[in-house]
PDB file of N, CA and C in Angstrom:
ATOM      1  N   UNK A   1     103.132  93.703  79.841  1.00  0.00           N
ATOM      2  CA  UNK A   1     104.257  94.272  79.117  1.00  0.00           C
ATOM      3  C   UNK A   1     103.859  95.571  78.418  1.00  0.00           C
ATOM      4  N   UNK A   2     102.573  95.767  78.177  1.00  0.00           N
ATOM      5  CA  UNK A   2     102.107  96.960  77.471  1.00  0.00           C
ATOM      6  C   UNK A   2     101.808  98.125  78.415  1.00  0.00           C
ATOM      7  N   UNK A   3     101.878  97.892  79.720  1.00  0.00           N
ATOM      8  CA  UNK A   3     101.561  98.937  80.683  1.00  0.00           C
ATOM      9  C   UNK A   3     102.571 100.078  80.528  1.00  0.00           C
ATOM     10  N   UNK A   4     102.084 101.272  80.365  1.00  0.00           N
ATOM     11  CA  UNK A   4     102.967 102.440  80.208  1.00  0.00           C
ATOM     12  C   UNK A   4     103.436 102.932  81.569  1.00  0.00           C
ATOM     13  N   UNK A   5     104.703 103.179  81.689  1.00  0.00           N
ATOM     14  CA  UNK A   5     105.246 103.770  82.903  1.00  0.00           C
ATOM     15  C   UNK A   5     105.507 102.745  83.998  1.00  0.00           C
ATOM     16  N   UNK A   6     105.449 103.206  85.228  1.00  0.00           N
ATOM     17  CA  UNK A   6     105.753 102.401  86.407  1.00  0.00           C
ATOM     18  C   UNK A   6     104.436 102.029  87.072  1.00  0.00           C
ATOM     19  N   UNK A   7     104.310 100.798  87.507  1.00  0.00           N
ATOM     20  CA  UNK A   7     103.036 100.339  88.062  1.00  0.00           C
ATOM     21  C   UNK A   7     103.257  99.347  89.187  1.00  0.00           C
ATOM     22  N   UNK A   8     102.275  99.272  90.061  1.00  0.00           N
ATOM     23  CA  UNK A   8     102.269  98.290  91.132  1.00  0.00           C
ATOM     24  C   UNK A   8     101.396  97.110  90.732  1.00  0.00           C
ATOM     25  N   UNK A   9     101.558  96.008  91.427  1.00  0.00           N
ATOM     26  CA  UNK A   9     100.786  94.804  91.129  1.00  0.00           C
ATOM     27  C   UNK A   9      99.288  95.062  91.279  1.00  0.00           C
ATOM     28  N   UNK A  10      98.908  95.783  92.322  1.00  0.00           N
ATOM     29  CA  UNK A  10      97.481  96.058  92.528  1.00  0.00           C
ATOM     30  C   UNK A  10      96.907  96.935  91.424  1.00  0.00           C
ATOM     31  N   UNK A  11      97.682  97.902  90.957  1.00  0.00           N
ATOM     32  CA  UNK A  11      97.222  98.755  89.851  1.00  0.00           C
ATOM     33  C   UNK A  11      96.962  97.916  88.600  1.00  0.00           C
ATOM     34  N   UNK A  12      97.883  96.994  88.304  1.00  0.00           N
ATOM     35  CA  UNK A  12      97.721  96.132  87.144  1.00  0.00           C
ATOM     36  C   UNK A  12      96.499  95.233  87.315  1.00  0.00           C
ATOM     37  N   UNK A  13      96.334  94.685  88.506  1.00  0.00           N
ATOM     38  CA  UNK A  13      95.192  93.811  88.787  1.00  0.00           C
ATOM     39  C   UNK A  13      93.873  94.560  88.570  1.00  0.00           C
ATOM     40  N   UNK A  14      93.770  95.768  89.106  1.00  0.00           N
ATOM     41  CA  UNK A  14      92.548  96.564  88.953  1.00  0.00           C
ATOM     42  C   UNK A  14      92.290  96.886  87.485  1.00  0.00           C
ATOM     43  N   UNK A  15      93.345  97.238  86.764  1.00  0.00           N
ATOM     44  CA  UNK A  15      93.194  97.543  85.335  1.00  0.00           C
ATOM     45  C   UNK A  15      92.702  96.316  84.570  1.00  0.00           C
ATOM     46  N   UNK A  16      93.255  95.158  84.899  1.00  0.00           N
ATOM     47  CA  UNK A  16      92.842  93.941  84.204  1.00  0.00           C
ATOM     48  C   UNK A  16      91.412  93.551  84.564  1.00  0.00           C
ATOM     49  N   UNK A  17      91.043  93.706  85.838  1.00  0.00           N
ATOM     50  CA  UNK A  17      89.671  93.382  86.253  1.00  0.00           C
ATOM     51  C   UNK A  17      88.661  94.313  85.591  1.00  0.00           C
ATOM     52  N   UNK A  18      89.039  95.579  85.423  1.00  0.00           N
ATOM     53  CA  UNK A  18      88.126  96.524  84.778  1.00  0.00           C
ATOM     54  C   UNK A  18      87.988  96.245  83.281  1.00  0.00           C
ATOM     55  N   UNK A  19      88.894  95.406  82.759  1.00  0.00           N
ATOM     56  CA  UNK A  19      88.810  94.985  81.355  1.00  0.00           C
ATOM     57  C   UNK A  19      88.156  93.610  81.248  1.00  0.00           C
ATOM     58  N   UNK A  20      87.424  93.227  82.284  1.00  0.00           N
ATOM     59  CA  UNK A  20      86.693  91.956  82.329  1.00  0.00           C
ATOM     60  C   UNK A  20      87.582  90.722  82.284  1.00  0.00           C
ATOM     61  N   UNK A  21      88.769  90.809  82.863  1.00  0.00           N
ATOM     62  CA  UNK A  21      89.661  89.660  82.947  1.00  0.00           C
ATOM     63  C   UNK A  21      89.253  88.788  84.133  1.00  0.00           C
ATOM     64  N   UNK A  22      89.442  87.494  84.012  1.00  0.00           N
ATOM     65  CA  UNK A  22      89.143  86.556  85.099  1.00  0.00           C
ATOM     66  C   UNK A  22      90.373  86.260  85.959  1.00  0.00           C
ATOM     67  N   UNK A  23      91.421  87.027  85.801  1.00  0.00           N
ATOM     68  CA  UNK A  23      92.685  86.771  86.488  1.00  0.00           C
ATOM     69  C   UNK A  23      92.553  87.002  87.998  1.00  0.00           C
ATOM     70  N   UNK A  24      93.288  86.212  88.755  1.00  0.00           N
ATOM     71  CA  UNK A  24      93.288  86.387  90.208  1.00  0.00           C
ATOM     72  C   UNK A  24      94.448  87.297  90.611  1.00  0.00           C
ATOM     73  N   UNK A  25      94.326  87.874  91.780  1.00  0.00           N
ATOM     74  CA  UNK A  25      95.382  88.738  92.309  1.00  0.00           C
ATOM     75  C   UNK A  25      96.682  87.934  92.467  1.00  0.00           C
ATOM     76  N   UNK A  26      96.576  86.697  92.930  1.00  0.00           N
ATOM     77  CA  UNK A  26      97.771  85.846  93.121  1.00  0.00           C
ATOM     78  C   UNK A  26      98.473  85.595  91.787  1.00  0.00           C
ATOM     79  N   UNK A  27      97.705  85.387  90.732  1.00  0.00           N
ATOM     80  CA  UNK A  27      98.305  85.163  89.416  1.00  0.00           C
ATOM     81  C   UNK A  27      99.068  86.396  88.955  1.00  0.00           C
ATOM     82  N   UNK A  28      98.514  87.576  89.210  1.00  0.00           N
ATOM     83  CA  UNK A  28      99.199  88.820  88.842  1.00  0.00           C
ATOM     84  C   UNK A  28     100.528  88.911  89.578  1.00  0.00           C
ATOM     85  N   UNK A  29     100.518  88.730  90.896  1.00  0.00           N
ATOM     86  CA  UNK A  29     101.740  88.813  91.697  1.00  0.00           C
ATOM     87  C   UNK A  29     102.770  87.768  91.248  1.00  0.00           C
ATOM     88  N   UNK A  30     102.332  86.534  91.063  1.00  0.00           N
ATOM     89  CA  UNK A  30     103.250  85.459  90.662  1.00  0.00           C
ATOM     90  C   UNK A  30     103.828  85.697  89.271  1.00  0.00           C
ATOM     91  N   UNK A  31     103.004  86.173  88.356  1.00  0.00           N
ATOM     92  CA  UNK A  31     103.470  86.424  86.994  1.00  0.00           C
ATOM     93  C   UNK A  31     104.451  87.582  86.959  1.00  0.00           C
ATOM     94  N   UNK A  32     104.195  88.633  87.729  1.00  0.00           N
ATOM     95  CA  UNK A  32     105.126  89.765  87.782  1.00  0.00           C
ATOM     96  C   UNK A  32     106.482  89.315  88.317  1.00  0.00           C
ATOM     97  N   UNK A  33     106.476  88.479  89.337  1.00  0.00           N
ATOM     98  CA  UNK A  33     107.741  87.964  89.880  1.00  0.00           C
ATOM     99  C   UNK A  33     108.487  87.144  88.830  1.00  0.00           C
ATOM    100  N   UNK A  34     107.763  86.310  88.095  1.00  0.00           N
ATOM    101  CA  UNK A  34     108.376  85.493  87.055  1.00  0.00           C
ATOM    102  C   UNK A  34     108.957  86.363  85.940  1.00  0.00           C
ATOM    103  N   UNK A  35     108.218  87.381  85.509  1.00  0.00           N
ATOM    104  CA  UNK A  35     108.710  88.281  84.464  1.00  0.00           C
ATOM    105  C   UNK A  35     109.935  89.067  84.935  1.00  0.00           C
ATOM    106  N   UNK A  36     109.975  89.408  86.218  1.00  0.00           N
ATOM    107  CA  UNK A  36     111.151  90.093  86.771  1.00  0.00           C
ATOM    108  C   UNK A  36     112.347  89.145  86.816  1.00  0.00           C
ATOM    109  N   UNK A  37     112.128  87.895  87.188  1.00  0.00           N
ATOM    110  CA  UNK A  37     113.217  86.911  87.211  1.00  0.00           C
ATOM    111  C   UNK A  37     113.774  86.676  85.810  1.00  0.00           C
ATOM    112  N   UNK A  38     112.912  86.754  84.808  1.00  0.00           N
ATOM    113  CA  UNK A  38     113.335  86.580  83.406  1.00  0.00           C
ATOM    114  C   UNK A  38     113.908  87.875  82.823  1.00  0.00           C
ATOM    115  N   UNK A  39     113.952  88.925  83.642  1.00  0.00           N
ATOM    116  CA  UNK A  39     114.470  90.246  83.277  1.00  0.00           C
ATOM    117  C   UNK A  39     113.683  90.929  82.164  1.00  0.00           C
ATOM    118  N   UNK A  40     112.406  90.558  82.027  1.00  0.00           N
ATOM    119  CA  UNK A  40     111.524  91.266  81.099  1.00  0.00           C
ATOM    120  C   UNK A  40     110.920  92.497  81.771  1.00  0.00           C
ATOM    121  N   UNK A  41     110.872  92.467  83.112  1.00  0.00           N
ATOM    122  CA  UNK A  41     110.442  93.604  83.923  1.00  0.00           C
ATOM    123  C   UNK A  41     111.536  93.926  84.923  1.00  0.00           C
ATOM    124  N   UNK A  42     111.603  95.193  85.327  1.00  0.00           N
ATOM    125  CA  UNK A  42     112.480  95.595  86.428  1.00  0.00           C
ATOM    126  C   UNK A  42     111.620  95.929  87.624  1.00  0.00           C
ATOM    127  N   UNK A  43     112.078  95.494  88.794  1.00  0.00           N
ATOM    128  CA  UNK A  43     111.411  95.864  90.043  1.00  0.00           C
ATOM    129  C   UNK A  43     112.050  97.142  90.546  1.00  0.00           C
ATOM    130  N   UNK A  44     111.228  98.072  90.946  1.00  0.00           N
ATOM    131  CA  UNK A  44     111.717  99.363  91.446  1.00  0.00           C
ATOM    132  C   UNK A  44     111.084  99.663  92.799  1.00  0.00           C
ATOM    133  N   UNK A  45     111.824 100.413  93.611  1.00  0.00           N
ATOM    134  CA  UNK A  45     111.282 100.927  94.863  1.00  0.00           C
ATOM    135  C   UNK A  45     111.575 102.411  94.880  1.00  0.00           C
ATOM    136  N   UNK A  46     110.522 103.194  94.866  1.00  0.00           N
ATOM    137  CA  UNK A  46     110.678 104.648  94.809  1.00  0.00           C
ATOM    138  C   UNK A  46     110.412 105.304  96.158  1.00  0.00           C
ATOM    139  N   UNK A  47     110.717 104.594  97.240  1.00  0.00           N
ATOM    140  CA  UNK A  47     110.628 105.168  98.571  1.00  0.00           C
ATOM    141  C   UNK A  47     109.234 105.232  99.142  1.00  0.00           C
ATOM    142  N   UNK A  48     108.303 104.533  98.553  1.00  0.00           N
ATOM    143  CA  UNK A  48     106.934 104.574  99.057  1.00  0.00           C
ATOM    144  C   UNK A  48     106.537 103.247  99.698  1.00  0.00           C
ATOM    145  N   UNK A  49     107.547 102.423  99.996  1.00  0.00           N
ATOM    146  CA  UNK A  49     107.322 101.133 100.628  1.00  0.00           C
ATOM    147  C   UNK A  49     106.412 100.237  99.792  1.00  0.00           C
ATOM    148  N   UNK A  50     106.596 100.304  98.476  1.00  0.00           N
ATOM    149  CA  UNK A  50     105.759  99.569  97.536  1.00  0.00           C
ATOM    150  C   UNK A  50     106.615  99.213  96.322  1.00  0.00           C
ATOM    151  N   UNK A  51     106.530  97.977  95.888  1.00  0.00           N
ATOM    152  CA  UNK A  51     107.270  97.562  94.693  1.00  0.00           C
ATOM    153  C   UNK A  51     106.529  98.017  93.454  1.00  0.00           C
ATOM    154  N   UNK A  52     107.261  98.637  92.562  1.00  0.00           N
ATOM    155  CA  UNK A  52     106.719  99.033  91.263  1.00  0.00           C
ATOM    156  C   UNK A  52     107.506  98.289  90.198  1.00  0.00           C
ATOM    157  N   UNK A  53     106.908  98.170  89.044  1.00  0.00           N
ATOM    158  CA  UNK A  53     107.526  97.463  87.929  1.00  0.00           C
ATOM    159  C   UNK A  53     107.553  98.365  86.711  1.00  0.00           C
ATOM    160  N   UNK A  54     108.478  98.066  85.817  1.00  0.00           N
ATOM    161  CA  UNK A  54     108.493  98.703  84.509  1.00  0.00           C
ATOM    162  C   UNK A  54     109.070  97.715  83.509  1.00  0.00           C
ATOM    163  N   UNK A  55     108.589  97.809  82.294  1.00  0.00           N
ATOM    164  CA  UNK A  55     109.033  96.904  81.246  1.00  0.00           C
ATOM    165  C   UNK A  55     110.468  97.206  80.855  1.00  0.00           C
ATOM    166  N   UNK A  56     111.233  96.157  80.580  1.00  0.00           N
ATOM    167  CA  UNK A  56     112.598  96.308  80.078  1.00  0.00           C
ATOM    168  C   UNK A  56     112.648  96.228  78.557  1.00  0.00           C
ATOM    169  N   UNK A  57     111.546  95.844  77.952  1.00  0.00           N
ATOM    170  CA  UNK A  57     111.506  95.641  76.503  1.00  0.00           C
ATOM    171  C   UNK A  57     111.703  96.971  75.785  1.00  0.00           C
ATOM    172  N   UNK A  58     112.750  97.040  74.973  1.00  0.00           N
ATOM    173  CA  UNK A  58     113.025  98.234  74.187  1.00  0.00           C
ATOM    174  C   UNK A  58     113.532  99.423  74.995  1.00  0.00           C
ATOM    175  N   UNK A  59     113.916  99.207  76.249  1.00  0.00           N
ATOM    176  CA  UNK A  59     114.396 100.305  77.092  1.00  0.00           C
ATOM    177  C   UNK A  59     115.893 100.233  77.272  1.00  0.00           C
ATOM    178  N   UNK A  60     116.502 101.392  77.335  1.00  0.00           N
ATOM    179  CA  UNK A  60     117.921 101.474  77.657  1.00  0.00           C
ATOM    180  C   UNK A  60     118.063 101.795  79.136  1.00  0.00           C
ATOM    181  N   UNK A  61     119.261 101.683  79.648  1.00  0.00           N
ATOM    182  CA  UNK A  61     119.525 101.983  81.048  1.00  0.00           C
ATOM    183  C   UNK A  61     119.139 103.427  81.342  1.00  0.00           C
ATOM    184  N   UNK A  62     118.449 103.623  82.452  1.00  0.00           N
ATOM    185  CA  UNK A  62     118.009 104.966  82.817  1.00  0.00           C
ATOM    186  C   UNK A  62     117.855 105.066  84.332  1.00  0.00           C
ATOM    187  N   UNK A  63     117.701 106.279  84.797  1.00  0.00           N
ATOM    188  CA  UNK A  63     117.548 106.562  86.216  1.00  0.00           C
ATOM    189  C   UNK A  63     116.268 107.352  86.422  1.00  0.00           C
ATOM    190  N   UNK A  64     115.983 107.712  87.681  1.00  0.00           N
ATOM    191  CA  UNK A  64     114.689 108.318  87.984  1.00  0.00           C
ATOM    192  C   UNK A  64     114.805 109.538  88.898  1.00  0.00           C
ATOM    193  N   UNK A  65     113.949 110.512  88.618  1.00  0.00           N
ATOM    194  CA  UNK A  65     113.707 111.652  89.503  1.00  0.00           C
ATOM    195  C   UNK A  65     112.307 111.433  90.068  1.00  0.00           C
ATOM    196  N   UNK A  66     112.163 111.432  91.402  1.00  0.00           N
ATOM    197  CA  UNK A  66     110.882 111.149  92.030  1.00  0.00           C
ATOM    198  C   UNK A  66     110.463 112.339  92.883  1.00  0.00           C
ATOM    199  N   UNK A  67     109.284 112.889  92.576  1.00  0.00           N
ATOM    200  CA  UNK A  67     108.765 114.004  93.363  1.00  0.00           C
ATOM    201  C   UNK A  67     108.095 113.450  94.618  1.00  0.00           C
ATOM    202  N   UNK A  68     108.559 113.892  95.780  1.00  0.00           N
ATOM    203  CA  UNK A  68     108.000 113.416  97.041  1.00  0.00           C
ATOM    204  C   UNK A  68     106.699 114.119  97.382  1.00  0.00           C
ATOM    205  N   UNK A  69     106.327 115.121  96.587  1.00  0.00           N
ATOM    206  CA  UNK A  69     105.085 115.846  96.826  1.00  0.00           C
ATOM    207  C   UNK A  69     103.922 115.267  96.022  1.00  0.00           C
ATOM    208  N   UNK A  70     104.108 115.153  94.709  1.00  0.00           N
ATOM    209  CA  UNK A  70     103.007 114.684  93.856  1.00  0.00           C
ATOM    210  C   UNK A  70     103.177 113.246  93.385  1.00  0.00           C
ATOM    211  N   UNK A  71     104.365 112.660  93.565  1.00  0.00           N
ATOM    212  CA  UNK A  71     104.594 111.277  93.177  1.00  0.00           C
ATOM    213  C   UNK A  71     105.024 111.094  91.734  1.00  0.00           C
ATOM    214  N   UNK A  72     105.204 112.189  90.991  1.00  0.00           N
ATOM    215  CA  UNK A  72     105.619 112.073  89.583  1.00  0.00           C
ATOM    216  C   UNK A  72     106.990 111.417  89.497  1.00  0.00           C
ATOM    217  N   UNK A  73     107.164 110.573  88.494  1.00  0.00           N
ATOM    218  CA  UNK A  73     108.436 109.895  88.252  1.00  0.00           C
ATOM    219  C   UNK A  73     108.891 110.260  86.849  1.00  0.00           C
ATOM    220  N   UNK A  74     110.063 110.865  86.763  1.00  0.00           N
ATOM    221  CA  UNK A  74     110.646 111.241  85.472  1.00  0.00           C
ATOM    222  C   UNK A  74     111.872 110.380  85.236  1.00  0.00           C
ATOM    223  N   UNK A  75     111.981 109.838  84.050  1.00  0.00           N
ATOM    224  CA  UNK A  75     113.147 109.038  83.688  1.00  0.00           C
ATOM    225  C   UNK A  75     114.180 109.917  83.001  1.00  0.00           C
ATOM    226  N   UNK A  76     115.458 109.611  83.244  1.00  0.00           N
ATOM    227  CA  UNK A  76     116.532 110.305  82.543  1.00  0.00           C
ATOM    228  C   UNK A  76     117.702 109.355  82.377  1.00  0.00           C
ATOM    229  N   UNK A  77     118.551 109.664  81.438  1.00  0.00           N
ATOM    230  CA  UNK A  77     119.747 108.866  81.201  1.00  0.00           C
ATOM    231  C   UNK A  77     120.941 109.811  81.183  1.00  0.00           C
ATOM    232  N   UNK A  78     121.940 109.479  81.961  1.00  0.00           N
ATOM    233  CA  UNK A  78     123.137 110.314  82.047  1.00  0.00           C
ATOM    234  C   UNK A  78     124.373 109.427  81.933  1.00  0.00           C
ATOM    235  N   UNK A  79     125.068 109.501  80.807  1.00  0.00           N
ATOM    236  CA  UNK A  79     126.262 108.661  80.606  1.00  0.00           C
ATOM    237  C   UNK A  79     127.316 108.826  81.698  1.00  0.00           C
ATOM    238  N   UNK A  80     127.407 110.009  82.315  1.00  0.00           N
ATOM    239  CA  UNK A  80     128.403 110.223  83.374  1.00  0.00           C
ATOM    240  C   UNK A  80     128.139 109.294  84.563  1.00  0.00           C
ATOM    241  N   UNK A  81     126.863 109.070  84.881  1.00  0.00           N
ATOM    242  CA  UNK A  81     126.523 108.185  85.999  1.00  0.00           C
ATOM    243  C   UNK A  81     126.915 106.756  85.653  1.00  0.00           C
ATOM    244  N   UNK A  82     126.616 106.335  84.441  1.00  0.00           N
ATOM    245  CA  UNK A  82     126.977 104.986  84.000  1.00  0.00           C
ATOM    246  C   UNK A  82     128.490 104.796  84.046  1.00  0.00           C
ATOM    247  N   UNK A  83     129.230 105.826  83.659  1.00  0.00           N
ATOM    248  CA  UNK A  83     130.695 105.763  83.685  1.00  0.00           C
ATOM    249  C   UNK A  83     131.209 105.635  85.121  1.00  0.00           C
ATOM    250  N   UNK A  84     130.619 106.385  86.039  1.00  0.00           N
ATOM    251  CA  UNK A  84     131.027 106.319  87.450  1.00  0.00           C
ATOM    252  C   UNK A  84     130.796 104.919  88.002  1.00  0.00           C
ATOM    253  N   UNK A  85     129.650 104.324  87.691  1.00  0.00           N
ATOM    254  CA  UNK A  85     129.347 102.968  88.159  1.00  0.00           C
ATOM    255  C   UNK A  85     130.411 101.992  87.654  1.00  0.00           C
ATOM    256  N   UNK A  86     130.765 102.093  86.381  1.00  0.00           N
ATOM    257  CA  UNK A  86     131.793 101.208  85.813  1.00  0.00           C
ATOM    258  C   UNK A  86     133.146 101.428  86.470  1.00  0.00           C
ATOM    259  N   UNK A  87     133.513 102.701  86.681  1.00  0.00           N
ATOM    260  CA  UNK A  87     134.809 103.016  87.287  1.00  0.00           C
ATOM    261  C   UNK A  87     134.903 102.497  88.718  1.00  0.00           C
ATOM    262  N   UNK A  88     133.874 102.747  89.506  1.00  0.00           N
ATOM    263  CA  UNK A  88     133.883 102.297  90.905  1.00  0.00           C
ATOM    264  C   UNK A  88     133.934 100.779  90.969  1.00  0.00           C
ATOM    265  N   UNK A  89     133.132 100.124  90.136  1.00  0.00           N
ATOM    266  CA  UNK A  89     133.129  98.657  90.113  1.00  0.00           C
ATOM    267  C   UNK A  89     134.496  98.117  89.758  1.00  0.00           C
ATOM    268  N   UNK A  90     135.133  98.706  88.778  1.00  0.00           N
ATOM    269  CA  UNK A  90     136.463  98.266  88.345  1.00  0.00           C
ATOM    270  C   UNK A  90     137.490  98.484  89.452  1.00  0.00           C
ATOM    271  N   UNK A  91     137.440  99.638  90.103  1.00  0.00           N
ATOM    272  CA  UNK A  91     138.412  99.977  91.153  1.00  0.00           C
ATOM    273  C   UNK A  91     138.378  98.994  92.313  1.00  0.00           C
ATOM    274  N   UNK A  92     137.194  98.518  92.665  1.00  0.00           N
ATOM    275  CA  UNK A  92     137.109  97.627  93.824  1.00  0.00           C
ATOM    276  C   UNK A  92     136.991  96.158  93.433  1.00  0.00           C
ATOM    277  N   UNK A  93     137.141  95.874  92.128  1.00  0.00           N
ATOM    278  CA  UNK A  93     137.086  94.495  91.673  1.00  0.00           C
ATOM    279  C   UNK A  93     135.707  93.894  91.795  1.00  0.00           C
ATOM    280  N   UNK A  94     134.736  94.609  91.296  1.00  0.00           N
ATOM    281  CA  UNK A  94     133.335  94.190  91.403  1.00  0.00           C
ATOM    282  C   UNK A  94     132.742  94.100  90.008  1.00  0.00           C
ATOM    283  N   UNK A  95     132.069  92.993  89.714  1.00  0.00           N
ATOM    284  CA  UNK A  95     131.435  92.810  88.413  1.00  0.00           C
ATOM    285  C   UNK A  95     129.978  93.251  88.522  1.00  0.00           C
ATOM    286  N   UNK A  96     129.705  94.491  88.171  1.00  0.00           N
ATOM    287  CA  UNK A  96     128.367  95.054  88.292  1.00  0.00           C
ATOM    288  C   UNK A  96     127.428  94.458  87.249  1.00  0.00           C
ATOM    289  N   UNK A  97     126.258  94.052  87.693  1.00  0.00           N
ATOM    290  CA  UNK A  97     125.242  93.531  86.779  1.00  0.00           C
ATOM    291  C   UNK A  97     124.100  94.520  86.593  1.00  0.00           C
ATOM    292  N   UNK A  98     124.188  95.649  87.261  1.00  0.00           N
ATOM    293  CA  UNK A  98     123.157  96.676  87.134  1.00  0.00           C
ATOM    294  C   UNK A  98     123.196  97.603  88.334  1.00  0.00           C
ATOM    295  N   UNK A  99     122.433  98.656  88.252  1.00  0.00           N
ATOM    296  CA  UNK A  99     122.352  99.598  89.367  1.00  0.00           C
ATOM    297  C   UNK A  99     121.028 100.334  89.291  1.00  0.00           C
ATOM    298  N   UNK A 100     120.685 100.986  90.387  1.00  0.00           N
ATOM    299  CA  UNK A 100     119.467 101.784  90.446  1.00  0.00           C
ATOM    300  C   UNK A 100     119.819 103.114  91.086  1.00  0.00           C
ATOM    301  N   UNK A 101     119.514 104.195  90.413  1.00  0.00           N
ATOM    302  CA  UNK A 101     119.835 105.526  90.907  1.00  0.00           C
ATOM    303  C   UNK A 101     118.562 106.359  90.891  1.00  0.00           C
ATOM    304  N   UNK A 102     118.129 106.768  92.067  1.00  0.00           N
ATOM    305  CA  UNK A 102     116.921 107.575  92.206  1.00  0.00           C
ATOM    306  C   UNK A 102     117.260 108.882  92.908  1.00  0.00           C
ATOM    307  N   UNK A 103     116.728 109.968  92.395  1.00  0.00           N
ATOM    308  CA  UNK A 103     116.883 111.274  93.028  1.00  0.00           C
ATOM    309  C   UNK A 103     115.504 111.689  93.536  1.00  0.00           C
ATOM    310  N   UNK A 104     115.414 111.962  94.833  1.00  0.00           N
ATOM    311  CA  UNK A 104     114.153 112.375  95.439  1.00  0.00           C
ATOM    312  C   UNK A 104     114.164 113.880  95.663  1.00  0.00           C
ATOM    313  N   UNK A 105     113.048 114.508  95.469  1.00  0.00           N
ATOM    314  CA  UNK A 105     112.930 115.942  95.676  1.00  0.00           C
ATOM    315  C   UNK A 105     111.532 116.401  95.329  1.00  0.00           C
ATOM    316  N   UNK A 106     111.400 117.668  95.046  1.00  0.00           N
ATOM    317  CA  UNK A 106     110.102 118.234  94.668  1.00  0.00           C
ATOM    318  C   UNK A 106     110.216 118.843  93.288  1.00  0.00           C
ATOM    319  N   UNK A 107     109.273 118.483  92.430  1.00  0.00           N
ATOM    320  CA  UNK A 107     109.317 118.999  91.062  1.00  0.00           C
ATOM    321  C   UNK A 107     108.956 120.487  91.049  1.00  0.00           C
ATOM    322  N   UNK A 108     109.313 121.143  89.985  1.00  0.00           N
ATOM    323  CA  UNK A 108     109.057 122.580  89.867  1.00  0.00           C
ATOM    324  C   UNK A 108     107.782 122.867  89.086  1.00  0.00           C
ATOM    325  N   UNK A 109     107.002 121.834  88.817  1.00  0.00           N
ATOM    326  CA  UNK A 109     105.730 121.994  88.120  1.00  0.00           C
ATOM    327  C   UNK A 109     104.780 122.823  88.982  1.00  0.00           C
ATOM    328  N   UNK A 110     104.195 123.905  88.443  1.00  0.00           N
ATOM    329  CA  UNK A 110     103.290 124.730  89.253  1.00  0.00           C
ATOM    330  C   UNK A 110     102.041 123.977  89.710  1.00  0.00           C
ATOM    331  N   UNK A 111     101.704 122.886  89.045  1.00  0.00           N
ATOM    332  CA  UNK A 111     100.539 122.073  89.433  1.00  0.00           C
ATOM    333  C   UNK A 111     100.922 120.913  90.359  1.00  0.00           C
ATOM    334  N   UNK A 112     102.168 120.884  90.820  1.00  0.00           N
ATOM    335  CA  UNK A 112     102.646 119.820  91.690  1.00  0.00           C
ATOM    336  C   UNK A 112     101.734 119.697  92.912  1.00  0.00           C
ATOM    337  N   UNK A 113     101.309 118.479  93.183  1.00  0.00           N
ATOM    338  CA  UNK A 113     100.461 118.233  94.351  1.00  0.00           C
ATOM    339  C   UNK A 113      98.989 118.187  94.005  1.00  0.00           C
ATOM    340  N   UNK A 114      98.604 118.766  92.858  1.00  0.00           N
ATOM    341  CA  UNK A 114      97.190 118.747  92.483  1.00  0.00           C
ATOM    342  C   UNK A 114      96.788 117.383  91.933  1.00  0.00           C
ATOM    343  N   UNK A 115      97.732 116.674  91.336  1.00  0.00           N
ATOM    344  CA  UNK A 115      97.458 115.363  90.761  1.00  0.00           C
ATOM    345  C   UNK A 115      98.254 114.321  91.521  1.00  0.00           C
ATOM    346  N   UNK A 116      97.854 114.045  92.766  1.00  0.00           N
ATOM    347  CA  UNK A 116      98.563 113.066  93.595  1.00  0.00           C
ATOM    348  C   UNK A 116      98.634 111.730  92.903  1.00  0.00           C
ATOM    349  N   UNK A 117      99.767 111.039  93.107  1.00  0.00           N
ATOM    350  CA  UNK A 117     100.027 109.704  92.562  1.00  0.00           C
ATOM    351  C   UNK A 117     100.189 109.697  91.051  1.00  0.00           C
ATOM    352  N   UNK A 118     100.532 110.826  90.440  1.00  0.00           N
ATOM    353  CA  UNK A 118     100.811 110.827  89.001  1.00  0.00           C
ATOM    354  C   UNK A 118     102.087 110.062  88.767  1.00  0.00           C
ATOM    355  N   UNK A 119     102.079 109.070  87.925  1.00  0.00           N
ATOM    356  CA  UNK A 119     103.270 108.268  87.636  1.00  0.00           C
ATOM    357  C   UNK A 119     103.571 108.418  86.193  1.00  0.00           C
TER     358      UNK A 119
END
């Protein structure tokens, strides 16, 4: 729950092992699934064919900008998007329980690509 940003199960496992934890890889995967089912974590897919997680504790609804060059993920919140989701759901008689909105592109950072896998 204290992991900053977006992370994969293997990243968490490696971080815990480097902190002298006796945890198994299976325990990490199973616990992440349980925390996601309890809605303490959100599962995300940022187009890299890999599940990432982020804590829901103390977070408001937000969306993501994902750089396809360097892998940077920027969070943003836009009330207009939330309003559109509510309007569309209402129009078609759908009870929305959440949504995921990701924008893929290339960041304008001049150092983009130098720090691959920056999350």
